[in-house]
Amino acid sequence: MRRFHGFFDGKTENAHPIDEIKRQFKKQYKSLEEENYRKNIFLTNYKNILVHNMNESSYQQGVNHFSDLTEEEFENGFLTDFEDI
């Protein structure tokens, strides 16, 4: 397994990135199916992070505890509509 630049801290050299997400952010998944689902989401999001950071931008993106969520899950779970305020 290749290392993901800027993400691993060296403690999990041969682990899959989802294992690092689980360790760093104390994530637990209910089943192997959910873990595989989250793994695929994370890999897509991480690819998008790398692409963004390779382009000139006024900010850099990184991995955090939301990196295994879809955009829709993040929006529905953590963002508020202005109408609700």
N, C-alpha and C. Protein backbone atom coordinates (compact mmCIF):
# COMPACT_ATOMS: atom_id res chain seq x y z
N MET A 1 0.86 -1.18 0.00
CA MET A 1 0.00 0.00 0.00
C MET A 1 0.89 1.23 0.00
N ARG A 2 0.61 2.16 -0.84
CA ARG A 2 1.42 3.37 -0.89
C ARG A 2 1.05 4.32 0.24
N ARG A 3 2.00 5.11 0.62
CA ARG A 3 1.75 6.11 1.65
C ARG A 3 1.01 7.29 1.04
N PHE A 4 0.13 7.86 1.78
CA PHE A 4 -0.60 9.04 1.34
C PHE A 4 0.14 10.25 1.87
N HIS A 5 0.67 11.04 0.96
CA HIS A 5 1.50 12.19 1.31
C HIS A 5 0.81 13.10 2.32
N GLY A 6 1.55 13.39 3.40
CA GLY A 6 1.05 14.36 4.37
C GLY A 6 -0.03 13.84 5.29
N PHE A 7 -0.31 12.55 5.23
CA PHE A 7 -1.40 12.05 6.06
C PHE A 7 -0.92 11.09 7.12
N PHE A 8 -0.10 10.12 6.74
CA PHE A 8 0.38 9.15 7.71
C PHE A 8 1.44 9.74 8.61
N ASP A 9 1.44 9.31 9.84
CA ASP A 9 2.44 9.80 10.79
C ASP A 9 3.55 8.78 11.02
N GLY A 10 3.57 7.72 10.23
CA GLY A 10 4.63 6.73 10.35
C GLY A 10 4.31 5.57 11.26
N LYS A 11 3.23 5.65 12.03
CA LYS A 11 2.87 4.58 12.95
C LYS A 11 2.19 3.42 12.25
N THR A 12 1.68 3.65 11.08
CA THR A 12 0.91 2.63 10.37
C THR A 12 1.39 2.51 8.94
N GLU A 13 2.66 2.24 8.77
CA GLU A 13 3.31 2.23 7.45
C GLU A 13 2.56 1.40 6.42
N ASN A 14 2.09 0.21 6.78
CA ASN A 14 1.47 -0.69 5.82
C ASN A 14 -0.05 -0.70 5.89
N ALA A 15 -0.63 0.16 6.68
CA ALA A 15 -2.08 0.18 6.85
C ALA A 15 -2.75 0.89 5.68
N HIS A 16 -4.01 0.57 5.51
CA HIS A 16 -4.83 1.28 4.53
C HIS A 16 -5.19 2.64 5.14
N PRO A 17 -5.36 3.65 4.33
CA PRO A 17 -5.71 4.98 4.87
C PRO A 17 -6.94 4.97 5.78
N ILE A 18 -7.89 4.10 5.55
CA ILE A 18 -9.08 4.08 6.42
C ILE A 18 -8.69 3.65 7.83
N ASP A 19 -7.66 2.81 7.95
CA ASP A 19 -7.18 2.42 9.28
C ASP A 19 -6.60 3.63 10.01
N GLU A 20 -5.93 4.50 9.28
CA GLU A 20 -5.39 5.72 9.88
C GLU A 20 -6.50 6.67 10.29
N ILE A 21 -7.54 6.79 9.47
CA ILE A 21 -8.72 7.60 9.82
C ILE A 21 -9.32 7.09 11.13
N LYS A 22 -9.50 5.78 11.20
CA LYS A 22 -10.09 5.18 12.40
C LYS A 22 -9.22 5.44 13.63
N ARG A 23 -7.92 5.33 13.47
CA ARG A 23 -7.01 5.53 14.60
C ARG A 23 -6.96 6.99 15.03
N GLN A 24 -6.71 7.88 14.07
CA GLN A 24 -6.55 9.30 14.42
C GLN A 24 -7.81 9.92 14.97
N PHE A 25 -8.95 9.55 14.41
CA PHE A 25 -10.20 10.22 14.77
C PHE A 25 -11.13 9.32 15.58
N LYS A 26 -10.60 8.18 16.06
CA LYS A 26 -11.34 7.25 16.92
C LYS A 26 -12.69 6.87 16.31
N LYS A 27 -12.64 6.52 15.02
CA LYS A 27 -13.84 6.13 14.29
C LYS A 27 -14.07 4.63 14.45
N GLN A 28 -15.33 4.26 14.54
CA GLN A 28 -15.71 2.85 14.54
C GLN A 28 -16.87 2.70 13.57
N TYR A 29 -16.81 1.65 12.77
CA TYR A 29 -17.88 1.38 11.82
C TYR A 29 -18.64 0.15 12.27
N LYS A 30 -19.92 0.11 11.96
CA LYS A 30 -20.80 -0.96 12.44
C LYS A 30 -20.55 -2.30 11.78
N SER A 31 -20.00 -2.28 10.57
CA SER A 31 -19.81 -3.53 9.83
C SER A 31 -18.68 -3.36 8.83
N LEU A 32 -18.23 -4.48 8.28
CA LEU A 32 -17.22 -4.44 7.24
C LEU A 32 -17.76 -3.74 6.00
N GLU A 33 -19.05 -3.91 5.73
CA GLU A 33 -19.67 -3.25 4.58
C GLU A 33 -19.61 -1.73 4.74
N GLU A 34 -19.93 -1.25 5.95
CA GLU A 34 -19.86 0.20 6.18
C GLU A 34 -18.41 0.68 6.08
N GLU A 35 -17.47 -0.09 6.60
CA GLU A 35 -16.07 0.31 6.51
C GLU A 35 -15.62 0.40 5.06
N ASN A 36 -16.02 -0.57 4.24
CA ASN A 36 -15.67 -0.52 2.82
C ASN A 36 -16.32 0.67 2.12
N TYR A 37 -17.57 0.97 2.49
CA TYR A 37 -18.27 2.14 1.95
C TYR A 37 -17.51 3.41 2.31
N ARG A 38 -17.13 3.55 3.57
CA ARG A 38 -16.39 4.74 4.04
C ARG A 38 -15.01 4.81 3.41
N LYS A 39 -14.39 3.66 3.21
CA LYS A 39 -13.07 3.61 2.58
C LYS A 39 -13.13 4.20 1.18
N ASN A 40 -14.15 3.82 0.42
CA ASN A 40 -14.29 4.35 -0.94
C ASN A 40 -14.56 5.84 -0.95
N ILE A 41 -15.39 6.30 -0.03
CA ILE A 41 -15.66 7.74 0.08
C ILE A 41 -14.37 8.48 0.43
N PHE A 42 -13.64 7.96 1.42
CA PHE A 42 -12.39 8.60 1.81
C PHE A 42 -11.43 8.70 0.63
N LEU A 43 -11.26 7.61 -0.11
CA LEU A 43 -10.31 7.62 -1.22
C LEU A 43 -10.69 8.65 -2.27
N THR A 44 -11.98 8.77 -2.55
CA THR A 44 -12.45 9.79 -3.49
C THR A 44 -12.16 11.19 -2.95
N ASN A 45 -12.49 11.41 -1.69
CA ASN A 45 -12.25 12.72 -1.08
C ASN A 45 -10.77 13.04 -1.02
N TYR A 46 -9.94 12.04 -0.70
CA TYR A 46 -8.50 12.28 -0.60
C TYR A 46 -7.91 12.62 -1.96
N LYS A 47 -8.38 11.95 -2.99
CA LYS A 47 -7.94 12.28 -4.35
C LYS A 47 -8.29 13.72 -4.68
N ASN A 48 -9.50 14.14 -4.32
CA ASN A 48 -9.92 15.52 -4.57
C ASN A 48 -9.06 16.51 -3.78
N ILE A 49 -8.68 16.15 -2.56
CA ILE A 49 -7.80 17.00 -1.75
C ILE A 49 -6.45 17.18 -2.44
N LEU A 50 -5.87 16.05 -2.89
CA LEU A 50 -4.58 16.13 -3.56
C LEU A 50 -4.63 16.97 -4.83
N VAL A 51 -5.67 16.80 -5.61
CA VAL A 51 -5.82 17.58 -6.85
C VAL A 51 -5.95 19.05 -6.51
N HIS A 52 -6.77 19.38 -5.53
CA HIS A 52 -6.94 20.78 -5.12
C HIS A 52 -5.60 21.38 -4.70
N ASN A 53 -4.85 20.64 -3.88
CA ASN A 53 -3.61 21.17 -3.32
C ASN A 53 -2.50 21.28 -4.36
N MET A 54 -2.63 20.59 -5.48
CA MET A 54 -1.63 20.70 -6.55
C MET A 54 -1.85 21.96 -7.37
N ASN A 55 -3.03 22.52 -7.32
CA ASN A 55 -3.34 23.74 -8.06
C ASN A 55 -3.07 24.95 -7.18
N GLU A 56 -2.85 26.08 -7.82
CA GLU A 56 -2.67 27.31 -7.05
C GLU A 56 -4.00 27.70 -6.44
N SER A 57 -3.97 27.93 -5.15
CA SER A 57 -5.18 28.31 -4.42
C SER A 57 -4.75 29.14 -3.22
N SER A 58 -5.68 29.90 -2.70
CA SER A 58 -5.38 30.71 -1.52
C SER A 58 -5.44 29.88 -0.24
N TYR A 59 -5.82 28.59 -0.35
CA TYR A 59 -5.88 27.73 0.83
C TYR A 59 -5.56 26.29 0.44
N GLN A 60 -5.19 25.51 1.44
CA GLN A 60 -4.89 24.10 1.26
C GLN A 60 -5.97 23.28 1.96
N GLN A 61 -6.31 22.15 1.39
CA GLN A 61 -7.25 21.23 2.01
C GLN A 61 -6.47 20.14 2.72
N GLY A 62 -7.11 19.45 3.65
CA GLY A 62 -6.47 18.36 4.37
C GLY A 62 -7.48 17.35 4.85
N VAL A 63 -6.97 16.27 5.40
CA VAL A 63 -7.79 15.19 5.95
C VAL A 63 -8.24 15.58 7.35
N ASN A 64 -9.50 15.33 7.65
CA ASN A 64 -10.02 15.54 8.99
C ASN A 64 -11.09 14.49 9.29
N HIS A 65 -11.79 14.66 10.39
CA HIS A 65 -12.78 13.67 10.80
C HIS A 65 -14.02 13.62 9.89
N PHE A 66 -14.11 14.52 8.94
CA PHE A 66 -15.21 14.48 7.97
C PHE A 66 -14.80 13.80 6.65
N SER A 67 -13.58 13.37 6.53
CA SER A 67 -13.04 12.89 5.26
C SER A 67 -13.66 11.58 4.77
N ASP A 68 -14.41 10.90 5.62
CA ASP A 68 -15.07 9.67 5.19
C ASP A 68 -16.57 9.88 4.97
N LEU A 69 -16.98 11.14 4.85
CA LEU A 69 -18.39 11.47 4.59
C LEU A 69 -18.55 11.96 3.15
N THR A 70 -19.72 11.69 2.59
CA THR A 70 -20.04 12.28 1.30
C THR A 70 -20.35 13.76 1.52
N GLU A 71 -20.32 14.51 0.45
CA GLU A 71 -20.66 15.93 0.55
C GLU A 71 -22.08 16.10 1.08
N GLU A 72 -22.99 15.26 0.60
CA GLU A 72 -24.39 15.33 1.06
C GLU A 72 -24.51 15.01 2.55
N GLU A 73 -23.80 13.99 3.02
CA GLU A 73 -23.84 13.66 4.44
C GLU A 73 -23.31 14.81 5.29
N PHE A 74 -22.22 15.42 4.83
CA PHE A 74 -21.65 16.54 5.56
C PHE A 74 -22.64 17.71 5.61
N GLU A 75 -23.20 18.05 4.44
CA GLU A 75 -24.14 19.17 4.38
C GLU A 75 -25.36 18.92 5.26
N ASN A 76 -25.92 17.72 5.20
CA ASN A 76 -27.13 17.41 5.97
C ASN A 76 -26.85 17.30 7.47
N GLY A 77 -25.65 16.89 7.84
CA GLY A 77 -25.36 16.67 9.24
C GLY A 77 -24.70 17.82 9.96
N PHE A 78 -24.06 18.74 9.22
CA PHE A 78 -23.24 19.73 9.90
C PHE A 78 -23.45 21.17 9.44
N LEU A 79 -24.15 21.39 8.35
CA LEU A 79 -24.38 22.75 7.88
C LEU A 79 -25.81 23.15 8.18
N THR A 80 -26.01 24.42 8.38
CA THR A 80 -27.32 24.96 8.69
C THR A 80 -27.78 25.86 7.56
N ASP A 81 -29.03 25.72 7.17
CA ASP A 81 -29.61 26.64 6.20
C ASP A 81 -29.81 27.99 6.87
N PHE A 82 -29.58 29.05 6.12
CA PHE A 82 -29.80 30.39 6.67
C PHE A 82 -31.25 30.58 7.07
N GLU A 83 -32.14 29.86 6.41
CA GLU A 83 -33.56 29.97 6.75
C GLU A 83 -33.83 29.46 8.16
N ASP A 84 -32.99 28.53 8.66
CA ASP A 84 -33.18 27.96 9.98
C ASP A 84 -32.69 28.85 11.10
N ILE A 85 -31.94 29.88 10.74
CA ILE A 85 -31.35 30.76 11.77
C ILE A 85 -32.33 31.81 12.20
